[in-house]
Amino acid sequence: MGTQQLILLVLGVVIIGISIAVGIAMFNNHLVRSNRIAVIGDLTALASVAASYYKTPAEMGGGAGTWDVDLLGPSLGHIYNSSSNSIFTENGIYAFSSSGDLLTILGTGTEIGSNDSTNVQVSLTLTGESSEMITTVIN
């Protein structure tokens, strides 16, 4: 082989290697984005059920204007772990905590997030009386 052919062969191998690396990076970014969107969707659905629970009278199985996480958990439609106040879905784990009129749900996804060290995390804070939701992407 001539020198030009070897240079073209090496150049071709380098270009193919770079293309494969870029493709893998794009695929991983898509996985992270998809998991983050799925966690936000789950958080929104859980918050909707929680807001309904908050406004339902106690006689009808609701919270009657309070957040009792242990009573709220089983009404969310998923398997509730009362020792960790959390729910597990195929998209991640959702931990519940309350303080006064606020319910906070921390969603931890199944994919490693943007910082390349911890899983995707999104927090949703729900105000009981107004049902206002504030979603914060942590990672």
C-alpha atoms as a PDB file:
ATOM      1  CA  MET A   1       0.000   0.000   0.000  1.00  0.00           C
ATOM      2  CA  GLY A   2       1.051   3.497  -0.670  1.00  0.00           C
ATOM      3  CA  THR A   3       1.368   6.230   1.890  1.00  0.00           C
ATOM      4  CA  GLN A   4      -1.778   7.970   0.654  1.00  0.00           C
ATOM      5  CA  GLN A   5      -3.816   4.806   1.033  1.00  0.00           C
ATOM      6  CA  LEU A   6      -2.598   4.317   4.621  1.00  0.00           C
ATOM      7  CA  ILE A   7      -3.443   7.921   5.483  1.00  0.00           C
ATOM      8  CA  LEU A   8      -6.941   7.514   4.010  1.00  0.00           C
ATOM      9  CA  LEU A   9      -7.409   4.241   5.904  1.00  0.00           C
ATOM     10  CA  VAL A  10      -6.362   5.824   9.229  1.00  0.00           C
ATOM     11  CA  LEU A  11      -8.514   8.886   8.531  1.00  0.00           C
ATOM     12  CA  GLY A  12     -11.488   6.622   7.785  1.00  0.00           C
ATOM     13  CA  VAL A  13     -11.006   4.684  11.030  1.00  0.00           C
ATOM     14  CA  VAL A  14     -10.785   7.937  13.036  1.00  0.00           C
ATOM     15  CA  ILE A  15     -13.936   9.356  11.437  1.00  0.00           C
ATOM     16  CA  ILE A  16     -15.870   6.135  12.078  1.00  0.00           C
ATOM     17  CA  GLY A  17     -14.663   6.082  15.711  1.00  0.00           C
ATOM     18  CA  ILE A  18     -15.762   9.678  16.269  1.00  0.00           C
ATOM     19  CA  SER A  19     -19.152   8.957  14.650  1.00  0.00           C
ATOM     20  CA  ILE A  20     -19.725   5.982  16.945  1.00  0.00           C
ATOM     21  CA  ALA A  21     -18.774   8.026  20.040  1.00  0.00           C
ATOM     22  CA  VAL A  22     -21.134  10.853  19.053  1.00  0.00           C
ATOM     23  CA  GLY A  23     -23.935   8.351  18.396  1.00  0.00           C
ATOM     24  CA  ILE A  24     -23.498   6.736  21.819  1.00  0.00           C
ATOM     25  CA  ALA A  25     -23.490  10.159  23.518  1.00  0.00           C
ATOM     26  CA  MET A  26     -26.685  11.169  21.682  1.00  0.00           C
ATOM     27  CA  PHE A  27     -28.376   7.901  22.696  1.00  0.00           C
ATOM     28  CA  ASN A  28     -27.412   8.360  26.362  1.00  0.00           C
ATOM     29  CA  ASN A  29     -28.646  11.964  26.351  1.00  0.00           C
ATOM     30  CA  HIS A  30     -31.954  10.761  24.932  1.00  0.00           C
ATOM     31  CA  LEU A  31     -32.271   8.170  27.730  1.00  0.00           C
ATOM     32  CA  VAL A  32     -31.660  10.820  30.400  1.00  0.00           C
ATOM     33  CA  ARG A  33     -34.142  13.261  28.826  1.00  0.00           C
ATOM     34  CA  SER A  34     -36.777  10.552  28.434  1.00  0.00           C
ATOM     35  CA  ASN A  35     -36.398   9.441  32.060  1.00  0.00           C
ATOM     36  CA  ARG A  36     -36.588  13.050  33.299  1.00  0.00           C
ATOM     37  CA  ILE A  37     -39.800  13.628  31.294  1.00  0.00           C
ATOM     38  CA  ALA A  38     -41.275  10.353  32.610  1.00  0.00           C
ATOM     39  CA  VAL A  39     -40.434  11.309  36.220  1.00  0.00           C
ATOM     40  CA  ILE A  40     -42.059  14.730  35.744  1.00  0.00           C
ATOM     41  CA  GLY A  41     -45.139  13.021  34.301  1.00  0.00           C
ATOM     42  CA  ASP A  42     -45.347  10.637  37.259  1.00  0.00           C
ATOM     43  CA  LEU A  43     -44.895  13.529  39.704  1.00  0.00           C
ATOM     44  CA  THR A  44     -47.706  15.473  38.049  1.00  0.00           C
ATOM     45  CA  ALA A  45     -50.047  12.470  38.160  1.00  0.00           C
ATOM     46  CA  LEU A  46     -49.202  11.746  41.816  1.00  0.00           C
ATOM     47  CA  ALA A  47     -49.671  15.411  42.727  1.00  0.00           C
ATOM     48  CA  SER A  48     -53.086  15.437  41.060  1.00  0.00           C
ATOM     49  CA  VAL A  49     -54.245  12.477  43.151  1.00  0.00           C
ATOM     50  CA  ALA A  50     -52.679  14.027  46.266  1.00  0.00           C
ATOM     51  CA  ALA A  51     -54.501  17.334  45.704  1.00  0.00           C
ATOM     52  CA  SER A  52     -57.772  15.435  45.434  1.00  0.00           C
ATOM     53  CA  TYR A  53     -56.952  13.562  48.663  1.00  0.00           C
ATOM     54  CA  TYR A  54     -56.202  16.852  50.460  1.00  0.00           C
ATOM     55  CA  LYS A  55     -59.585  18.352  49.577  1.00  0.00           C
ATOM     56  CA  THR A  56     -61.668  15.222  50.236  1.00  0.00           C
ATOM     57  CA  PRO A  57     -63.407  15.050  53.648  1.00  0.00           C
ATOM     58  CA  ALA A  58     -62.056  12.531  56.148  1.00  0.00           C
ATOM     59  CA  GLU A  59     -65.421  10.728  56.192  1.00  0.00           C
ATOM     60  CA  MET A  60     -64.878   9.922  52.508  1.00  0.00           C
ATOM     61  CA  GLY A  61     -61.285   8.730  52.977  1.00  0.00           C
ATOM     62  CA  GLY A  62     -59.522  12.028  52.327  1.00  0.00           C
ATOM     63  CA  GLY A  63     -57.175  14.258  54.201  1.00  0.00           C
ATOM     64  CA  ALA A  64     -59.733  16.937  55.139  1.00  0.00           C
ATOM     65  CA  GLY A  65     -57.251  19.747  54.542  1.00  0.00           C
ATOM     66  CA  THR A  66     -54.171  18.006  55.960  1.00  0.00           C
ATOM     67  CA  TRP A  67     -51.302  15.964  54.587  1.00  0.00           C
ATOM     68  CA  ASP A  68     -51.122  12.610  56.350  1.00  0.00           C
ATOM     69  CA  VAL A  69     -48.529  10.898  54.183  1.00  0.00           C
ATOM     70  CA  ASP A  70     -49.223   7.450  55.679  1.00  0.00           C
ATOM     71  CA  LEU A  71     -52.905   7.714  54.740  1.00  0.00           C
ATOM     72  CA  LEU A  72     -52.206   9.422  51.411  1.00  0.00           C
ATOM     73  CA  GLY A  73     -49.693   6.816  50.215  1.00  0.00           C
ATOM     74  CA  PRO A  74     -52.039   3.848  49.785  1.00  0.00           C
ATOM     75  CA  SER A  75     -54.555   6.012  47.885  1.00  0.00           C
ATOM     76  CA  LEU A  76     -52.034   6.882  45.150  1.00  0.00           C
ATOM     77  CA  GLY A  77     -52.559   3.694  43.153  1.00  0.00           C
ATOM     78  CA  HIS A  78     -49.073   2.229  43.555  1.00  0.00           C
ATOM     79  CA  ILE A  79     -47.384   0.038  46.143  1.00  0.00           C
ATOM     80  CA  TYR A  80     -46.602   2.356  49.047  1.00  0.00           C
ATOM     81  CA  ASN A  81     -43.651   1.722  51.379  1.00  0.00           C
ATOM     82  CA  SER A  82     -44.641   3.269  54.717  1.00  0.00           C
ATOM     83  CA  SER A  83     -41.188   2.898  56.286  1.00  0.00           C
ATOM     84  CA  SER A  84     -39.599   5.206  53.680  1.00  0.00           C
ATOM     85  CA  ASN A  85     -42.778   7.122  52.651  1.00  0.00           C
ATOM     86  CA  SER A  86     -42.097   6.213  49.045  1.00  0.00           C
ATOM     87  CA  ILE A  87     -43.600   4.687  45.929  1.00  0.00           C
ATOM     88  CA  PHE A  88     -41.746   2.763  43.232  1.00  0.00           C
ATOM     89  CA  THR A  89     -42.703   2.821  39.531  1.00  0.00           C
ATOM     90  CA  GLU A  90     -40.880   1.713  36.389  1.00  0.00           C
ATOM     91  CA  ASN A  91     -39.622   5.300  36.006  1.00  0.00           C
ATOM     92  CA  GLY A  92     -38.209   5.789  39.495  1.00  0.00           C
ATOM     93  CA  ILE A  93     -38.799   6.139  43.222  1.00  0.00           C
ATOM     94  CA  TYR A  94     -40.952   8.923  44.682  1.00  0.00           C
ATOM     95  CA  ALA A  95     -40.474   9.991  48.301  1.00  0.00           C
ATOM     96  CA  PHE A  96     -43.139  12.034  50.110  1.00  0.00           C
ATOM     97  CA  SER A  97     -42.749  14.559  52.921  1.00  0.00           C
ATOM     98  CA  SER A  98     -45.097  17.189  54.290  1.00  0.00           C
ATOM     99  CA  SER A  99     -44.792  20.376  56.263  1.00  0.00           C
ATOM    100  CA  GLY A 100     -47.931  22.335  57.086  1.00  0.00           C
ATOM    101  CA  ASP A 101     -49.790  23.126  53.877  1.00  0.00           C
ATOM    102  CA  LEU A 102     -46.971  21.849  51.621  1.00  0.00           C
ATOM    103  CA  LEU A 103     -46.422  18.370  50.252  1.00  0.00           C
ATOM    104  CA  THR A 104     -43.048  17.681  48.657  1.00  0.00           C
ATOM    105  CA  ILE A 105     -42.504  14.735  46.347  1.00  0.00           C
ATOM    106  CA  LEU A 106     -38.925  13.933  45.357  1.00  0.00           C
ATOM    107  CA  GLY A 107     -38.690  11.777  42.249  1.00  0.00           C
ATOM    108  CA  THR A 108     -35.465   9.881  41.618  1.00  0.00           C
ATOM    109  CA  GLY A 109     -35.274   8.362  38.147  1.00  0.00           C
ATOM    110  CA  THR A 110     -33.591   5.212  36.898  1.00  0.00           C
ATOM    111  CA  GLU A 111     -30.992   6.878  34.631  1.00  0.00           C
ATOM    112  CA  ILE A 112     -27.796   8.703  35.603  1.00  0.00           C
ATOM    113  CA  GLY A 113     -28.493  12.433  35.234  1.00  0.00           C
ATOM    114  CA  SER A 114     -26.650  15.383  33.756  1.00  0.00           C
ATOM    115  CA  ASN A 115     -23.921  15.429  36.404  1.00  0.00           C
ATOM    116  CA  ASP A 116     -22.824  11.873  35.434  1.00  0.00           C
ATOM    117  CA  SER A 117     -22.791  10.721  39.070  1.00  0.00           C
ATOM    118  CA  THR A 118     -26.333  10.611  40.483  1.00  0.00           C
ATOM    119  CA  ASN A 119     -29.675   9.593  39.041  1.00  0.00           C
ATOM    120  CA  VAL A 120     -32.152  12.021  37.550  1.00  0.00           C
ATOM    121  CA  GLN A 121     -33.926  13.949  40.333  1.00  0.00           C
ATOM    122  CA  VAL A 122     -36.972  16.183  40.155  1.00  0.00           C
ATOM    123  CA  SER A 123     -38.800  17.768  43.079  1.00  0.00           C
ATOM    124  CA  LEU A 124     -42.450  18.798  43.088  1.00  0.00           C
ATOM    125  CA  THR A 125     -43.935  20.979  45.824  1.00  0.00           C
ATOM    126  CA  LEU A 126     -47.716  21.037  46.098  1.00  0.00           C
ATOM    127  CA  THR A 127     -49.600  23.639  48.099  1.00  0.00           C
ATOM    128  CA  GLY A 128     -52.683  22.035  49.598  1.00  0.00           C
ATOM    129  CA  GLU A 129     -55.235  24.822  49.602  1.00  0.00           C
ATOM    130  CA  SER A 130     -54.455  26.329  46.195  1.00  0.00           C
ATOM    131  CA  SER A 131     -53.185  23.110  44.534  1.00  0.00           C
ATOM    132  CA  GLU A 132     -50.283  25.119  43.119  1.00  0.00           C
ATOM    133  CA  MET A 133     -47.481  22.872  41.845  1.00  0.00           C
ATOM    134  CA  ILE A 134     -43.841  23.952  41.589  1.00  0.00           C
ATOM    135  CA  THR A 135     -41.560  21.526  39.771  1.00  0.00           C
ATOM    136  CA  THR A 136     -37.791  21.816  40.125  1.00  0.00           C
ATOM    137  CA  VAL A 137     -35.324  19.754  38.098  1.00  0.00           C
ATOM    138  CA  ILE A 138     -32.404  18.946  40.381  1.00  0.00           C
ATOM    139  CA  ASN A 139     -30.400  16.710  38.075  1.00  0.00           C
END
